[in-house]
N, C-alpha and C. Protein backbone atom coordinates (compact mmCIF):
# COMPACT_ATOMS: atom_id res chain seq x y z
N MET A 1 1.00 -0.80 0.06
CA MET A 1 0.22 0.37 -0.08
C MET A 1 0.75 1.19 -0.13
N ILE A 2 0.37 2.34 -0.67
CA ILE A 2 0.94 3.41 -0.40
C ILE A 2 0.31 4.71 -0.03
N ALA A 3 0.70 5.48 0.88
CA ALA A 3 -0.02 6.39 1.28
C ALA A 3 -0.31 7.57 0.74
N ILE A 4 -1.21 8.24 0.28
CA ILE A 4 -1.75 9.37 -0.26
C ILE A 4 -2.03 10.60 0.31
N GLU A 5 -2.01 11.55 -0.05
CA GLU A 5 -2.78 13.04 0.36
C GLU A 5 -3.19 13.80 -0.73
N VAL A 6 -4.48 13.75 -0.67
CA VAL A 6 -4.86 14.63 -2.04
C VAL A 6 -5.88 15.34 -1.65
N THR A 7 -6.42 16.30 -2.15
CA THR A 7 -7.21 17.08 -1.89
C THR A 7 -8.53 17.09 -2.98
N VAL A 8 -9.43 16.38 -2.65
CA VAL A 8 -10.84 16.15 -3.71
C VAL A 8 -12.12 17.36 -3.85
N ASN A 9 -12.16 18.42 -4.37
CA ASN A 9 -13.17 19.34 -4.27
C ASN A 9 -12.85 20.04 -3.08
N GLY A 10 -11.90 20.57 -2.49
CA GLY A 10 -11.47 21.20 -1.45
C GLY A 10 -11.60 20.02 0.07
N ARG A 11 -11.51 19.44 -0.08
CA ARG A 11 -11.55 18.61 0.75
C ARG A 11 -10.45 17.38 1.33
N LEU A 12 -9.60 17.38 1.86
CA LEU A 12 -8.28 16.73 2.22
C LEU A 12 -8.44 15.22 2.42
N HIS A 13 -7.57 14.41 1.93
CA HIS A 13 -8.26 13.00 2.14
C HIS A 13 -6.77 12.37 2.16
N ARG A 14 -6.68 11.60 3.37
CA ARG A 14 -5.32 10.75 3.54
C ARG A 14 -5.77 9.48 3.32
N GLU A 15 -5.24 8.34 2.43
CA GLU A 15 -5.73 7.36 1.94
C GLU A 15 -4.39 6.33 1.80
N PRO A 16 -4.59 5.13 2.58
CA PRO A 16 -3.64 4.09 2.06
C PRO A 16 -4.20 3.58 0.58
N VAL A 17 -3.73 3.26 -0.66
CA VAL A 17 -3.90 2.68 -1.89
C VAL A 17 -2.91 1.80 -2.47
N GLU A 18 -3.36 1.09 -3.13
CA GLU A 18 -2.91 -0.28 -3.88
C GLU A 18 -2.22 1.01 -4.87
N PRO A 19 -1.02 0.42 -5.42
CA PRO A 19 0.04 1.01 -6.37
C PRO A 19 -0.73 0.95 -7.95
N ARG A 20 -2.08 -0.30 -8.05
CA ARG A 20 -2.31 -0.38 -9.43
C ARG A 20 -3.60 0.32 -9.03
N LEU A 21 -3.96 1.23 -8.05
CA LEU A 21 -5.78 1.21 -8.16
C LEU A 21 -5.70 3.15 -9.06
N LEU A 22 -6.74 2.89 -9.64
CA LEU A 22 -6.74 4.02 -11.03
C LEU A 22 -7.13 5.28 -10.13
N LEU A 23 -6.99 6.46 -10.79
CA LEU A 23 -7.73 7.66 -9.86
C LEU A 23 -9.29 7.55 -10.04
N SER A 24 -9.77 7.14 -11.04
CA SER A 24 -11.37 7.10 -11.21
C SER A 24 -11.80 5.98 -10.54
N ASP A 25 -11.20 4.63 -10.34
CA ASP A 25 -11.48 4.01 -9.72
C ASP A 25 -11.44 4.37 -7.98
N PHE A 26 -10.44 5.19 -7.75
CA PHE A 26 -10.36 6.04 -6.30
C PHE A 26 -11.40 6.76 -6.15
N VAL A 27 -11.51 7.70 -7.15
CA VAL A 27 -12.60 9.05 -6.88
C VAL A 27 -14.51 8.01 -6.78
N ARG A 28 -13.88 7.20 -7.75
CA ARG A 28 -15.69 6.78 -7.49
C ARG A 28 -15.87 5.42 -6.39
N HIS A 29 -15.08 4.60 -6.16
CA HIS A 29 -15.48 3.83 -4.86
C HIS A 29 -14.85 4.11 -3.80
N ARG A 30 -13.66 4.75 -3.54
CA ARG A 30 -13.45 5.20 -2.24
C ARG A 30 -14.06 6.52 -1.63
N LEU A 31 -14.19 7.47 -2.75
CA LEU A 31 -14.57 8.72 -1.92
C LEU A 31 -16.01 8.77 -2.45
N GLY A 32 -16.70 8.18 -3.06
CA GLY A 32 -18.28 8.32 -3.33
C GLY A 32 -18.58 8.81 -4.75
N LEU A 33 -17.70 9.47 -5.23
CA LEU A 33 -17.94 10.81 -6.09
C LEU A 33 -18.48 9.87 -7.30
N THR A 34 -19.75 9.73 -7.45
CA THR A 34 -19.91 8.58 -8.93
C THR A 34 -20.34 9.45 -9.81
N GLY A 35 -20.22 10.72 -9.57
CA GLY A 35 -20.27 11.46 -11.13
C GLY A 35 -19.15 11.35 -11.92
N THR A 36 -17.96 10.97 -11.53
CA THR A 36 -16.66 10.10 -12.65
C THR A 36 -17.17 9.15 -12.94
N HIS A 37 -17.39 9.24 -14.46
CA HIS A 37 -18.06 8.24 -14.91
C HIS A 37 -16.38 7.47 -15.80
N VAL A 38 -16.93 5.93 -15.80
CA VAL A 38 -16.35 5.28 -16.38
C VAL A 38 -16.72 4.54 -17.77
N GLY A 39 -16.23 4.72 -19.02
CA GLY A 39 -16.63 4.72 -20.11
C GLY A 39 -14.74 3.35 -20.53
N CYS A 40 -14.57 3.99 -21.46
CA CYS A 40 -14.02 2.91 -21.90
C CYS A 40 -12.85 2.55 -21.52
N GLU A 41 -12.03 3.15 -20.49
CA GLU A 41 -10.82 2.79 -19.94
C GLU A 41 -9.61 3.09 -20.41
N HIS A 42 -9.72 3.73 -21.47
CA HIS A 42 -8.45 4.38 -22.12
C HIS A 42 -8.38 5.34 -22.55
N GLY A 43 -9.27 6.61 -22.28
CA GLY A 43 -8.89 7.57 -22.05
C GLY A 43 -9.68 8.57 -23.45
N VAL A 44 -9.70 7.47 -23.96
CA VAL A 44 -10.91 7.94 -25.63
C VAL A 44 -11.98 8.61 -25.45
N CYS A 45 -12.95 8.49 -24.04
CA CYS A 45 -14.12 8.69 -24.37
C CYS A 45 -14.41 10.00 -23.78
N GLY A 46 -13.39 10.13 -22.78
CA GLY A 46 -13.79 11.44 -21.84
C GLY A 46 -14.62 11.52 -20.67
N ALA A 47 -15.39 10.12 -20.81
CA ALA A 47 -16.36 10.42 -19.62
C ALA A 47 -15.77 10.41 -18.08
N CYS A 48 -14.58 10.44 -17.68
CA CYS A 48 -13.88 9.87 -16.56
C CYS A 48 -13.23 11.82 -16.04
N THR A 49 -13.09 12.33 -17.39
CA THR A 49 -11.96 14.20 -17.34
C THR A 49 -12.90 14.64 -15.46
N VAL A 50 -11.47 14.54 -15.00
CA VAL A 50 -11.48 15.91 -13.87
C VAL A 50 -10.31 16.61 -14.10
N LYS A 51 -10.61 17.47 -13.13
CA LYS A 51 -9.45 18.85 -12.75
C LYS A 51 -8.30 18.07 -12.17
N LEU A 52 -7.19 18.24 -12.54
CA LEU A 52 -6.08 17.83 -11.40
C LEU A 52 -4.96 19.18 -11.77
N ASP A 53 -5.05 19.68 -10.41
CA ASP A 53 -4.34 20.64 -10.38
C ASP A 53 -4.67 22.10 -11.23
N GLY A 54 -5.82 21.91 -11.70
CA GLY A 54 -6.22 22.89 -12.38
C GLY A 54 -6.33 22.82 -14.22
N LEU A 55 -5.67 21.55 -14.66
CA LEU A 55 -6.13 21.10 -15.97
C LEU A 55 -7.03 19.94 -16.12
N ALA A 56 -7.92 19.90 -17.19
CA ALA A 56 -8.76 18.62 -17.60
C ALA A 56 -8.12 17.57 -17.59
N VAL A 57 -7.91 16.54 -16.79
CA VAL A 57 -7.58 14.87 -17.60
C VAL A 57 -7.95 13.86 -17.54
N ARG A 58 -8.05 12.77 -17.69
CA ARG A 58 -8.53 11.39 -17.69
C ARG A 58 -8.05 10.78 -16.79
N SER A 59 -9.24 10.43 -16.02
CA SER A 59 -8.74 9.80 -14.33
C SER A 59 -8.49 8.65 -14.62
N CYS A 60 -9.20 7.81 -15.99
CA CYS A 60 -8.91 6.45 -15.64
C CYS A 60 -6.82 6.03 -16.48
N LEU A 61 -6.90 7.17 -16.83
CA LEU A 61 -4.94 7.23 -17.20
C LEU A 61 -4.22 6.87 -16.12
N LEU A 62 -4.58 7.54 -15.31
CA LEU A 62 -3.74 7.86 -13.85
C LEU A 62 -3.96 6.74 -12.76
N LEU A 63 -2.94 6.70 -12.00
CA LEU A 63 -2.93 5.60 -11.30
C LEU A 63 -3.16 6.94 -9.64
N ALA A 64 -3.62 6.31 -8.66
CA ALA A 64 -4.13 7.15 -7.37
C ALA A 64 -2.52 7.51 -6.73
N ALA A 65 -1.71 6.72 -7.08
CA ALA A 65 -0.48 7.13 -6.70
C ALA A 65 -0.15 8.38 -6.96
N GLN A 66 -0.07 8.58 -8.09
CA GLN A 66 0.09 9.67 -9.02
C GLN A 66 0.13 10.72 -9.16
N VAL A 67 -1.07 11.22 -8.00
CA VAL A 67 -1.97 12.13 -7.78
C VAL A 67 -1.58 13.15 -5.84
N ASP A 68 -0.34 12.16 -5.60
CA ASP A 68 -0.23 12.57 -4.43
C ASP A 68 0.40 13.77 -4.23
N GLY A 69 -0.35 14.52 -2.99
CA GLY A 69 -0.37 16.13 -3.31
C GLY A 69 -0.98 16.59 -3.78
N ALA A 70 -1.73 15.72 -4.83
CA ALA A 70 -2.68 17.24 -5.63
C ALA A 70 -3.95 17.61 -5.14
N GLU A 71 -4.24 18.51 -6.30
CA GLU A 71 -6.04 18.99 -6.02
C GLU A 71 -7.00 18.42 -6.84
N ILE A 72 -7.86 17.98 -6.93
CA ILE A 72 -8.04 17.06 -7.78
C ILE A 72 -9.81 17.81 -7.66
N VAL A 73 -10.43 18.21 -9.17
CA VAL A 73 -12.04 18.68 -8.96
C VAL A 73 -12.75 17.94 -9.74
N THR A 74 -13.70 17.21 -9.23
CA THR A 74 -14.57 16.46 -10.08
C THR A 74 -15.52 17.33 -10.38
N VAL A 75 -16.74 16.65 -11.14
CA VAL A 75 -17.97 17.52 -11.36
C VAL A 75 -18.57 17.58 -10.61
N GLU A 76 -18.84 17.02 -8.85
CA GLU A 76 -19.32 17.25 -7.92
C GLU A 76 -18.84 18.42 -7.53
N GLY A 77 -17.44 18.81 -7.93
CA GLY A 77 -16.83 20.23 -7.32
C GLY A 77 -16.68 21.71 -7.66
N LEU A 78 -17.68 21.01 -8.96
CA LEU A 78 -17.90 22.41 -9.72
C LEU A 78 -18.74 23.55 -9.64
N ALA A 79 -19.72 22.99 -8.78
CA ALA A 79 -20.77 24.30 -7.94
C ALA A 79 -20.75 24.04 -6.89
N GLY A 80 -20.48 25.15 -5.97
CA GLY A 80 -20.23 25.71 -4.71
C GLY A 80 -21.52 25.87 -4.13
N GLY A 81 -21.65 24.96 -2.86
CA GLY A 81 -23.23 25.71 -1.84
C GLY A 81 -24.71 24.93 -2.64
N GLY A 82 -24.50 24.16 -3.54
CA GLY A 82 -25.24 23.30 -3.82
C GLY A 82 -26.26 24.27 -5.08
N ALA A 83 -25.82 25.23 -5.69
CA ALA A 83 -26.18 25.70 -6.76
C ALA A 83 -25.42 25.50 -7.70
N LEU A 84 -25.91 25.37 -9.12
CA LEU A 84 -25.73 25.10 -10.52
C LEU A 84 -25.01 26.22 -10.71
N THR A 85 -24.07 25.57 -11.51
CA THR A 85 -23.12 26.67 -11.82
C THR A 85 -23.12 27.44 -13.24
N PRO A 86 -23.25 28.71 -13.72
CA PRO A 86 -23.70 29.25 -15.17
C PRO A 86 -23.90 28.13 -16.15
N LEU A 87 -22.94 27.11 -16.48
CA LEU A 87 -22.49 26.25 -17.47
C LEU A 87 -23.62 25.02 -17.33
N GLN A 88 -23.63 24.34 -15.79
CA GLN A 88 -24.55 23.95 -15.62
C GLN A 88 -26.20 24.16 -15.91
N GLU A 89 -26.06 25.71 -15.68
CA GLU A 89 -27.58 26.04 -15.78
C GLU A 89 -27.99 25.91 -17.46
N ALA A 90 -26.84 26.41 -18.47
CA ALA A 90 -26.92 26.58 -19.55
C ALA A 90 -27.20 24.86 -20.46
N PHE A 91 -26.32 23.97 -19.61
CA PHE A 91 -26.93 22.56 -20.11
C PHE A 91 -28.13 22.11 -19.93
N ARG A 92 -28.75 23.03 -18.64
CA ARG A 92 -30.33 22.42 -18.28
C ARG A 92 -30.78 23.10 -19.56
N ARG A 93 -30.65 24.32 -19.48
CA ARG A 93 -31.51 25.07 -20.23
C ARG A 93 -31.92 24.79 -21.80
N HIS A 94 -30.42 24.33 -22.40
CA HIS A 94 -30.31 23.97 -23.91
C HIS A 94 -31.03 22.73 -23.97
N HIS A 95 -30.96 21.30 -22.67
CA HIS A 95 -31.52 20.30 -23.41
C HIS A 95 -30.05 19.84 -23.87
N ALA A 96 -29.33 20.10 -23.09
CA ALA A 96 -27.50 19.45 -23.56
C ALA A 96 -27.00 18.35 -22.80
N LEU A 97 -28.13 17.38 -22.57
CA LEU A 97 -27.66 16.37 -21.25
C LEU A 97 -28.00 14.94 -21.92
N GLN A 98 -29.16 14.79 -22.70
CA GLN A 98 -29.81 13.46 -23.06
C GLN A 98 -29.62 12.54 -21.75
N CYS A 99 -29.13 11.22 -22.30
CA CYS A 99 -28.81 10.48 -21.12
C CYS A 99 -27.93 10.87 -20.10
N GLY A 100 -26.67 11.26 -20.03
CA GLY A 100 -26.25 11.55 -18.82
C GLY A 100 -24.75 11.32 -18.77
N PHE A 101 -24.58 10.36 -19.25
CA PHE A 101 -23.66 9.59 -18.98
C PHE A 101 -22.15 10.23 -19.32
N CYS A 102 -22.36 11.17 -20.76
CA CYS A 102 -21.21 11.83 -20.82
C CYS A 102 -21.22 13.04 -20.24
N THR A 103 -22.30 13.23 -19.84
CA THR A 103 -22.06 14.98 -19.61
C THR A 103 -21.29 15.64 -18.48
N PRO A 104 -21.26 14.71 -17.58
CA PRO A 104 -20.08 15.07 -16.30
C PRO A 104 -18.72 15.61 -16.84
N GLY A 105 -17.79 14.44 -17.56
CA GLY A 105 -16.66 14.70 -18.28
C GLY A 105 -16.93 15.74 -18.94
N ILE A 106 -17.96 16.14 -19.81
CA ILE A 106 -18.02 17.75 -20.56
C ILE A 106 -18.27 18.69 -19.73
N LEU A 107 -18.85 18.56 -18.86
CA LEU A 107 -18.67 19.79 -18.05
C LEU A 107 -17.47 20.10 -17.49
N VAL A 108 -16.83 18.76 -16.85
CA VAL A 108 -15.08 19.32 -16.74
C VAL A 108 -14.41 19.96 -17.48
N ALA A 109 -14.81 19.00 -18.61
CA ALA A 109 -14.00 19.65 -19.86
C ALA A 109 -14.24 21.48 -20.52
N ALA A 110 -15.53 21.28 -20.78
CA ALA A 110 -15.87 22.82 -20.73
C ALA A 110 -15.54 23.80 -19.84
N ASP A 111 -15.52 23.68 -18.51
CA ASP A 111 -15.47 24.32 -17.64
C ASP A 111 -13.43 24.68 -17.18
N ASP A 112 -12.75 23.34 -17.72
CA ASP A 112 -11.40 23.44 -18.34
C ASP A 112 -11.21 24.79 -19.29
N LEU A 113 -11.83 24.54 -20.76
CA LEU A 113 -11.58 25.63 -21.72
C LEU A 113 -12.21 26.93 -21.54
N LEU A 114 -13.12 27.26 -20.50
CA LEU A 114 -13.23 28.38 -20.07
C LEU A 114 -12.68 29.17 -19.02
N SER A 115 -11.72 28.05 -18.17
CA SER A 115 -11.00 29.02 -17.03
C SER A 115 -9.74 29.56 -18.06
N HIS A 116 -9.40 28.97 -19.49
CA HIS A 116 -8.02 29.21 -20.27
C HIS A 116 -8.28 30.30 -20.82
N GLU A 117 -9.65 29.70 -22.05
CA GLU A 117 -9.71 30.71 -22.66
C GLU A 117 -11.46 31.52 -22.73
N ARG A 118 -11.18 32.64 -22.28
CA ARG A 118 -12.54 33.73 -21.68
C ARG A 118 -13.57 33.49 -22.30
N ALA A 119 -13.27 33.45 -23.72
CA ALA A 119 -14.15 33.75 -25.19
C ALA A 119 -13.87 32.94 -26.21
N PRO A 120 -13.92 31.71 -26.21
CA PRO A 120 -13.81 30.70 -27.54
C PRO A 120 -14.80 30.84 -28.35
N THR A 121 -14.36 30.79 -29.47
CA THR A 121 -15.16 30.30 -30.55
C THR A 121 -16.04 29.05 -31.11
N ARG A 122 -16.61 29.28 -31.53
CA ARG A 122 -17.19 27.67 -31.66
C ARG A 122 -16.78 26.95 -31.83
N ALA A 123 -15.40 26.86 -32.77
CA ALA A 123 -14.80 26.30 -33.66
C ALA A 123 -14.05 25.69 -32.26
N GLU A 124 -13.53 26.45 -31.63
CA GLU A 124 -12.97 25.83 -30.30
C GLU A 124 -13.77 25.22 -29.58
N ILE A 125 -14.83 25.80 -29.07
CA ILE A 125 -15.45 24.58 -28.54
C ILE A 125 -15.36 23.14 -29.21
N VAL A 126 -15.86 23.27 -30.47
CA VAL A 126 -15.92 21.82 -31.37
C VAL A 126 -15.21 21.34 -30.94
N ASP A 127 -13.66 21.67 -31.37
CA ASP A 127 -12.40 21.20 -31.12
C ASP A 127 -12.48 20.39 -29.22
N MET A 128 -12.56 21.25 -28.36
CA MET A 128 -12.63 20.65 -27.24
C MET A 128 -13.27 19.32 -27.06
N LEU A 129 -14.65 19.62 -28.02
CA LEU A 129 -15.46 18.83 -28.01
C LEU A 129 -14.76 17.10 -28.65
N SER A 130 -13.93 17.47 -29.04
CA SER A 130 -13.94 16.06 -30.15
C SER A 130 -13.03 15.13 -29.34
N GLY A 131 -13.00 15.45 -28.13
CA GLY A 131 -12.26 14.77 -27.14
C GLY A 131 -12.67 13.74 -26.22
N GLN A 132 -14.56 14.49 -26.52
CA GLN A 132 -15.71 13.90 -25.62
C GLN A 132 -16.28 13.35 -26.10
N LEU A 133 -16.76 11.80 -26.20
CA LEU A 133 -18.00 11.02 -26.85
C LEU A 133 -19.09 10.41 -26.19
N CYS A 134 -19.94 11.51 -27.24
CA CYS A 134 -21.47 11.37 -26.31
C CYS A 134 -22.23 10.84 -27.42
N ARG A 135 -22.83 9.56 -27.53
CA ARG A 135 -23.60 8.94 -28.08
C ARG A 135 -25.21 9.18 -28.51
N CYS A 136 -25.33 10.16 -27.64
CA CYS A 136 -27.31 10.33 -27.79
C CYS A 136 -27.45 11.66 -28.44
N THR A 137 -26.61 12.72 -28.77
CA THR A 137 -26.63 13.93 -29.46
C THR A 137 -26.01 13.77 -30.72
N GLY A 138 -25.94 15.04 -31.31
CA GLY A 138 -25.23 15.60 -32.18
C GLY A 138 -24.62 16.70 -31.71
N TYR A 139 -24.35 17.03 -30.54
CA TYR A 139 -23.47 18.11 -30.07
C TYR A 139 -23.79 18.97 -30.15
N THR A 140 -24.93 19.49 -31.32
CA THR A 140 -25.09 21.09 -31.15
C THR A 140 -25.81 21.46 -30.06
N THR A 141 -26.50 21.00 -29.21
CA THR A 141 -27.11 21.42 -27.72
C THR A 141 -26.06 21.74 -26.79
N ILE A 142 -24.92 21.10 -27.08
CA ILE A 142 -23.87 20.55 -26.43
C ILE A 142 -22.96 22.40 -26.58
N VAL A 143 -22.83 22.12 -27.63
CA VAL A 143 -21.96 23.10 -28.21
C VAL A 143 -22.67 24.92 -27.96
N ASP A 144 -24.11 24.71 -28.34
CA ASP A 144 -24.76 26.00 -27.96
C ASP A 144 -24.88 26.09 -26.23
N ALA A 145 -24.72 25.42 -25.15
CA ALA A 145 -24.92 25.66 -24.02
C ALA A 145 -23.28 26.59 -23.87
N ILE A 146 -22.07 25.85 -24.09
CA ILE A 146 -21.01 26.33 -23.65
C ILE A 146 -20.68 27.54 -24.35
N ALA A 147 -21.12 27.86 -25.89
CA ALA A 147 -20.63 29.09 -26.45
C ALA A 147 -21.80 30.16 -25.84
N GLU A 148 -23.08 29.97 -25.22
CA GLU A 148 -24.22 30.46 -24.24
C GLU A 148 -22.88 31.62 -23.06
N VAL A 149 -22.96 30.10 -22.65
CA VAL A 149 -21.57 30.64 -21.14
C VAL A 149 -20.46 31.74 -21.47
N ALA A 150 -20.06 31.49 -23.12
CA ALA A 150 -18.75 32.14 -23.08
C ALA A 150 -19.43 33.19 -24.10
N GLY A 151 -20.27 33.68 -24.23
CA GLY A 151 -20.69 34.60 -24.70
C GLY A 151 -20.40 34.78 -26.40
N ALA A 152 -20.22 33.17 -26.96
CA ALA A 152 -20.10 33.50 -28.56
C ALA A 152 -21.19 33.19 -29.13
């Protein structure tokens, strides 16, 4: 076992983990934050996207032991105080969620984009979404929701 110390959604966790435990499994099964979904387990679909020290990453490609000392934000950590963020509200307004399986990863990736690009173009939004698979929509409503928040 390896002892790690990681801050997840503002809360410090000190946990012993097996060296082979994936970050996605740590977040879901150890911490109970099931908004982080596991789809392909190969880093292709984006369902497991979380923010690691401020950058969007695939949690299925990282070991929990690798994030010792890091700060993680999951979809549950995007909104503070129980209120939805403007991005989450826009997703609701535009019906940009369909079945919802991909939505947490897309929200985290979009939050990451908006934190680095204050006013991304629709083309930049589409480019960001190229790393997020959604099987229910044509992405149009997702792009519309993100563009609304970006003011595009």
